[in-house]
Amino acid sequence: MTATDSAAPPSRETGNSEETQYLSLIRDILETGETRNDRTGTGTIALFAPPQLRFNLNNDTFPLLTTKRVFWRGVVEELLWFIRGQTDAHTLRAQGVHIWDGNGSREFLDSRGLTHRREGDLGPVYGFQWRHFGAEYVDADRDYTGQGVDQLSENIMSAWNPADIHKMALPPCHMFAQFFVSNPGTDQATLSCRCTRDRAILGWVFRLILLVTGLKPGVFVHCMGDTHIYANHVEALNVQIEREPRPFPRLIINRVPERIEDFTIEDLELVGYTPHGKIHMDMAV
């Protein structure tokens, strides 16, 4: 950590007040949260149902954190993987993205009682629920074309399917999204999205939906329930909340395919991303 990275606490006068609201939430959890046990044995500090976070997406703004460097390519590849309805961690690993490696390991799957699954088969997790809700999950290698409900074509999307939770390597954190069109049928029509619980990756899917529908961006609203920090992330987050937010980057789309699942990372360009340095945080598995 350099002197630049450890400046005074973020000012409310910062040019990026939207990231400041996120940092303020982290500070509130650290200062007033409840110490709790969790499934990983790591332990958490948690608040329940804090105020929602709102992000304006006008002018191609993309709300990617600037107080630490985010692995952009990993975010893109994981989300495209979800959009395609894929559930094989090995597919991501082949792209150099290891987000799901731990949860797809033989040891972890066995600990979840999924001894019949091959390594890397995560079960009916996010992408399967988004594109094939209600279909019978067999394995990650099956073709589910035309099966179940394709929720990406609906106004509401749920990754929480109680009938399938026991089949998943992990139950969903980002569980629910609702879309809202303002001024429909006019040239001022905008699409907004509200996401319930945890990481804001649905904001990313939301931007791709905007492109396919031809609507203008509105706002992204992030609502949370059990809002927690893992105990092994406290030291890193104490560094992050001392950093001054910088302007969010812009997301430029170089090609818009006819189908949302046909986007590739080459179609997407992040412009003006100048974050502070990386902060390492171990994933709790």
Protein backbone atom coordinates (compact mmCIF):
# COMPACT_ATOMS: atom_id res chain seq x y z
CA MET A 1 0.00 0.00 0.00
CA THR A 2 1.35 3.41 -0.98
CA ALA A 3 0.77 6.81 0.55
CA THR A 4 -1.58 7.59 -2.36
CA ASP A 5 -3.66 4.53 -1.60
CA SER A 6 -4.11 5.40 2.08
CA ALA A 7 -5.44 8.94 1.95
CA ALA A 8 -8.03 10.48 4.28
CA PRO A 9 -11.54 8.91 4.48
CA PRO A 10 -13.63 9.53 1.35
CA SER A 11 -15.20 12.99 1.36
CA ARG A 12 -18.93 13.44 0.81
CA GLU A 13 -17.89 16.07 -1.75
CA THR A 14 -16.21 13.50 -3.99
CA GLY A 15 -17.11 13.53 -7.67
CA ASN A 16 -18.21 9.90 -7.33
CA SER A 17 -20.89 10.04 -4.65
CA GLU A 18 -22.34 6.73 -5.86
CA GLU A 19 -19.23 4.77 -4.92
CA THR A 20 -19.05 6.77 -1.68
CA GLN A 21 -22.45 5.35 -0.68
CA TYR A 22 -20.98 1.87 -1.11
CA LEU A 23 -17.94 2.74 1.03
CA SER A 24 -20.23 4.23 3.68
CA LEU A 25 -22.14 0.95 3.81
CA ILE A 26 -18.90 -0.99 4.30
CA ARG A 27 -17.94 1.38 7.12
CA ASP A 28 -21.37 0.95 8.77
CA ILE A 29 -21.06 -2.82 8.69
CA LEU A 30 -17.58 -2.74 10.19
CA GLU A 31 -18.64 -0.34 12.95
CA THR A 32 -22.12 -1.57 13.84
CA GLY A 33 -22.53 -5.04 12.32
CA GLU A 34 -23.33 -8.23 14.20
CA THR A 35 -20.70 -10.97 14.42
CA ARG A 36 -22.16 -14.20 13.05
CA ASN A 37 -21.18 -17.72 12.07
CA ASP A 38 -21.58 -18.81 8.45
CA ARG A 39 -21.53 -21.97 6.34
CA THR A 40 -17.80 -21.61 5.52
CA GLY A 41 -16.68 -21.38 9.14
CA THR A 42 -14.91 -18.10 8.36
CA GLY A 43 -17.37 -15.89 10.25
CA THR A 44 -19.06 -12.68 9.11
CA ILE A 45 -20.00 -9.20 10.30
CA ALA A 46 -23.53 -8.45 9.12
CA LEU A 47 -26.30 -5.88 8.89
CA PHE A 48 -29.80 -6.75 7.77
CA ALA A 49 -31.57 -4.75 5.04
CA PRO A 50 -29.47 -1.57 4.90
CA PRO A 51 -30.57 1.32 2.67
CA GLN A 52 -30.56 0.49 -1.03
CA LEU A 53 -27.79 1.72 -3.32
CA ARG A 54 -28.69 3.58 -6.53
CA PHE A 55 -26.51 4.05 -9.62
CA ASN A 56 -27.28 6.32 -12.57
CA LEU A 57 -26.27 4.70 -15.87
CA ASN A 58 -26.64 7.70 -18.17
CA ASN A 59 -23.94 8.49 -20.74
CA ASP A 60 -22.74 4.85 -20.86
CA THR A 61 -21.60 5.02 -17.22
CA PHE A 62 -20.65 1.63 -15.81
CA PRO A 63 -20.47 1.43 -11.97
CA LEU A 64 -17.29 -0.61 -11.56
CA LEU A 65 -15.53 0.00 -8.24
CA THR A 66 -12.56 2.35 -8.47
CA THR A 67 -11.30 2.07 -4.87
CA LYS A 68 -9.79 -1.28 -5.82
CA ARG A 69 -8.98 -2.76 -9.20
CA VAL A 70 -11.69 -5.19 -10.30
CA PHE A 71 -10.81 -8.16 -12.53
CA TRP A 72 -12.86 -6.87 -15.46
CA ARG A 73 -12.29 -9.80 -17.80
CA GLY A 74 -13.36 -12.19 -15.06
CA VAL A 75 -16.58 -10.22 -14.52
CA VAL A 76 -17.35 -10.28 -18.24
CA GLU A 77 -16.64 -13.98 -18.79
CA GLU A 78 -18.64 -15.04 -15.73
CA LEU A 79 -21.65 -13.00 -16.79
CA LEU A 80 -21.56 -14.24 -20.38
CA TRP A 81 -21.36 -17.75 -18.92
CA PHE A 82 -24.51 -17.06 -16.88
CA ILE A 83 -26.31 -15.57 -19.88
CA ARG A 84 -25.61 -18.71 -21.92
CA GLY A 85 -27.12 -20.86 -19.17
CA GLN A 86 -23.82 -22.67 -18.57
CA THR A 87 -23.02 -24.45 -15.30
CA ASP A 88 -19.59 -26.02 -15.90
CA ALA A 89 -16.77 -24.36 -13.93
CA HIS A 90 -14.28 -25.87 -16.38
CA THR A 91 -15.69 -23.65 -19.14
CA LEU A 92 -14.65 -20.58 -17.15
CA ARG A 93 -11.32 -22.10 -16.18
CA ALA A 94 -10.50 -22.54 -19.86
CA GLN A 95 -10.86 -18.73 -20.18
CA GLY A 96 -8.44 -18.19 -17.29
CA VAL A 97 -11.25 -17.33 -14.86
CA HIS A 98 -11.09 -19.29 -11.61
CA ILE A 99 -14.00 -17.77 -9.65
CA TRP A 100 -15.83 -21.10 -9.36
CA ASP A 101 -12.89 -23.51 -9.14
CA GLY A 102 -13.17 -23.98 -5.38
CA ASN A 103 -16.91 -24.64 -5.45
CA GLY A 104 -16.55 -27.07 -8.34
CA SER A 105 -13.77 -29.13 -6.74
CA ARG A 106 -14.28 -32.79 -5.89
CA GLU A 107 -13.87 -32.05 -2.19
CA PHE A 108 -16.45 -29.25 -2.16
CA LEU A 109 -19.06 -31.09 -4.22
CA ASP A 110 -18.72 -34.11 -1.94
CA SER A 111 -19.17 -31.86 1.11
CA ARG A 112 -22.50 -30.72 -0.40
CA GLY A 113 -23.61 -34.33 -0.92
CA LEU A 114 -23.16 -34.06 -4.69
CA THR A 115 -20.94 -37.12 -4.97
CA HIS A 116 -22.61 -38.20 -8.22
CA ARG A 117 -21.50 -35.04 -10.05
CA ARG A 118 -18.29 -34.85 -12.02
CA GLU A 119 -15.78 -32.24 -10.93
CA GLY A 120 -16.72 -28.80 -12.24
CA ASP A 121 -20.46 -29.54 -12.57
CA LEU A 122 -22.03 -26.91 -10.31
CA GLY A 123 -25.63 -27.99 -10.76
CA PRO A 124 -28.58 -25.70 -11.63
CA VAL A 125 -26.92 -22.46 -10.51
CA TYR A 126 -27.56 -18.92 -11.79
CA GLY A 127 -27.38 -19.37 -15.55
CA PHE A 128 -29.58 -22.46 -15.55
CA GLN A 129 -32.25 -20.65 -13.52
CA TRP A 130 -32.06 -17.55 -15.71
CA ARG A 131 -32.52 -19.44 -18.97
CA HIS A 132 -34.25 -22.74 -18.02
CA PHE A 133 -36.20 -22.15 -14.79
CA GLY A 134 -38.33 -25.19 -13.96
CA ALA A 135 -36.52 -27.60 -16.28
CA GLU A 136 -35.19 -30.85 -14.82
CA TYR A 137 -31.43 -30.55 -14.31
CA VAL A 138 -29.42 -33.63 -15.28
CA ASP A 139 -25.83 -32.47 -15.65
CA ALA A 140 -23.68 -29.66 -17.05
CA ASP A 141 -23.20 -31.46 -20.36
CA ARG A 142 -26.89 -31.71 -21.30
CA ASP A 143 -28.48 -29.48 -23.97
CA TYR A 144 -31.47 -27.72 -22.38
CA THR A 145 -32.56 -25.75 -25.45
CA GLY A 146 -36.28 -24.97 -25.27
CA GLN A 147 -36.67 -26.38 -21.76
CA GLY A 148 -38.03 -24.43 -18.81
CA VAL A 149 -38.76 -20.69 -18.65
CA ASP A 150 -36.30 -18.27 -20.22
CA GLN A 151 -36.51 -15.51 -17.64
CA LEU A 152 -34.29 -13.08 -19.56
CA SER A 153 -37.31 -12.45 -21.79
CA GLU A 154 -39.49 -11.51 -18.80
CA ASN A 155 -39.78 -8.42 -16.56
CA ILE A 156 -38.83 -10.36 -13.43
CA MET A 157 -35.98 -12.84 -13.06
CA SER A 158 -35.31 -15.14 -10.10
CA ALA A 159 -32.28 -17.33 -9.42
CA TRP A 160 -33.89 -18.63 -6.21
CA ASN A 161 -35.65 -21.91 -6.99
CA PRO A 162 -36.41 -23.76 -3.73
CA ALA A 163 -36.88 -27.06 -5.56
CA ASP A 164 -33.32 -26.89 -6.91
CA ILE A 165 -31.34 -25.44 -3.99
CA HIS A 166 -30.16 -28.86 -2.79
CA LYS A 167 -28.83 -29.60 -6.30
CA MET A 168 -26.64 -26.48 -6.46
CA ALA A 169 -22.99 -26.29 -5.47
CA LEU A 170 -23.94 -22.92 -3.92
CA PRO A 171 -27.35 -21.31 -3.38
CA PRO A 172 -27.67 -17.95 -5.16
CA CYS A 173 -26.55 -14.69 -3.55
CA HIS A 174 -27.97 -12.35 -6.21
CA MET A 175 -31.43 -13.84 -6.17
CA PHE A 176 -33.88 -11.55 -7.88
CA ALA A 177 -34.15 -8.81 -10.51
CA GLN A 178 -37.06 -6.67 -11.66
CA PHE A 179 -37.04 -4.45 -14.77
CA PHE A 180 -39.05 -1.25 -15.24
CA VAL A 181 -39.61 0.73 -18.45
CA SER A 182 -40.24 4.46 -18.07
CA ASN A 183 -42.04 6.37 -20.86
CA PRO A 184 -42.70 3.23 -22.93
CA GLY A 185 -43.35 3.71 -26.63
CA THR A 186 -41.50 7.04 -26.82
CA ASP A 187 -37.99 8.06 -27.84
CA GLN A 188 -37.39 8.83 -24.15
CA ALA A 189 -38.07 5.25 -23.02
CA THR A 190 -35.59 4.06 -20.38
CA LEU A 191 -35.03 0.72 -18.70
CA SER A 192 -34.21 0.50 -14.99
CA CYS A 193 -33.37 -2.54 -12.89
CA ARG A 194 -33.64 -3.46 -9.23
CA CYS A 195 -31.46 -6.32 -8.00
CA THR A 196 -31.89 -8.03 -4.64
CA ARG A 197 -28.86 -9.19 -2.65
CA ASP A 198 -25.16 -9.10 -2.99
CA ARG A 199 -22.82 -8.40 -5.90
CA ALA A 200 -24.00 -5.99 -8.56
CA ILE A 201 -23.38 -8.30 -11.49
CA LEU A 202 -26.98 -8.08 -12.57
CA GLY A 203 -26.22 -4.48 -13.41
CA TRP A 204 -23.94 -5.87 -16.07
CA VAL A 205 -26.60 -8.18 -17.50
CA PHE A 206 -28.95 -5.20 -17.41
CA ARG A 207 -26.67 -3.22 -19.74
CA LEU A 208 -26.69 -6.02 -22.31
CA ILE A 209 -30.49 -6.24 -22.12
CA LEU A 210 -30.62 -2.50 -22.81
CA LEU A 211 -28.62 -2.96 -25.96
CA VAL A 212 -30.71 -5.82 -27.29
CA THR A 213 -34.01 -4.00 -26.59
CA GLY A 214 -32.79 -0.63 -27.89
CA LEU A 215 -33.86 1.20 -24.71
CA LYS A 216 -31.86 3.91 -22.97
CA PRO A 217 -30.29 3.27 -19.54
CA GLY A 218 -32.10 4.47 -16.44
CA VAL A 219 -30.97 3.54 -12.93
CA PHE A 220 -29.64 0.41 -11.29
CA VAL A 221 -30.97 -0.16 -7.75
CA HIS A 222 -29.19 -2.61 -5.46
CA CYS A 223 -31.20 -3.98 -2.49
CA MET A 224 -29.68 -6.26 0.13
CA GLY A 225 -30.86 -8.54 2.94
CA ASP A 226 -28.12 -10.31 4.91
CA THR A 227 -25.41 -7.80 4.02
CA HIS A 228 -22.15 -9.14 5.37
CA ILE A 229 -18.39 -8.93 5.35
CA TYR A 230 -16.29 -12.05 5.81
CA ALA A 231 -13.98 -11.87 8.81
CA ASN A 232 -10.93 -12.52 6.63
CA HIS A 233 -11.75 -9.43 4.51
CA VAL A 234 -11.82 -6.89 7.33
CA GLU A 235 -8.19 -5.79 7.02
CA ALA A 236 -8.46 -5.36 3.24
CA LEU A 237 -11.71 -3.40 3.49
CA ASN A 238 -10.22 -1.08 6.10
CA VAL A 239 -7.70 -0.14 3.41
CA GLN A 240 -10.34 0.24 0.72
CA ILE A 241 -12.65 2.58 2.66
CA GLU A 242 -9.78 5.05 3.14
CA ARG A 243 -9.37 5.50 -0.61
CA GLU A 244 -10.93 8.37 -2.55
CA PRO A 245 -13.35 7.18 -5.26
CA ARG A 246 -12.52 8.11 -8.84
CA PRO A 247 -14.97 8.60 -11.74
CA PHE A 248 -16.67 5.46 -12.97
CA PRO A 249 -15.63 4.21 -16.43
CA ARG A 250 -17.82 4.03 -19.51
CA LEU A 251 -18.90 0.84 -21.25
CA ILE A 252 -18.66 1.01 -25.03
CA ILE A 253 -20.27 -1.67 -27.17
CA ASN A 254 -18.46 -2.37 -30.42
CA ARG A 255 -20.99 -4.89 -31.76
CA VAL A 256 -24.59 -5.74 -30.87
CA PRO A 257 -25.54 -9.29 -31.88
CA GLU A 258 -29.15 -10.29 -32.50
CA ARG A 259 -29.17 -12.61 -29.49
CA ILE A 260 -27.92 -11.66 -26.03
CA GLU A 261 -26.09 -14.99 -25.63
CA ASP A 262 -23.95 -14.22 -28.68
CA PHE A 263 -22.07 -11.36 -27.00
CA THR A 264 -18.34 -11.99 -26.58
CA ILE A 265 -15.73 -10.14 -24.57
CA GLU A 266 -14.37 -8.67 -27.82
CA ASP A 267 -17.69 -6.81 -28.27
CA LEU A 268 -17.21 -4.84 -25.05
CA GLU A 269 -14.78 -2.05 -24.27
CA LEU A 270 -14.23 -0.44 -20.87
CA VAL A 271 -13.08 3.18 -21.28
CA GLY A 272 -11.56 5.44 -18.67
CA TYR A 273 -11.08 2.88 -15.91
CA THR A 274 -8.34 4.27 -13.64
CA PRO A 275 -8.82 2.52 -10.29
CA HIS A 276 -6.61 2.37 -7.22
CA GLY A 277 -4.46 -0.74 -6.91
CA LYS A 278 -5.66 -4.30 -6.39
CA ILE A 279 -6.61 -5.44 -2.89
CA HIS A 280 -6.34 -9.18 -2.41
CA MET A 281 -9.24 -10.92 -0.65
CA ASP A 282 -9.34 -14.68 -0.21
CA MET A 283 -12.62 -16.31 -1.17
CA ALA A 284 -14.39 -18.10 1.67
CA VAL A 285 -15.33 -21.59 0.47
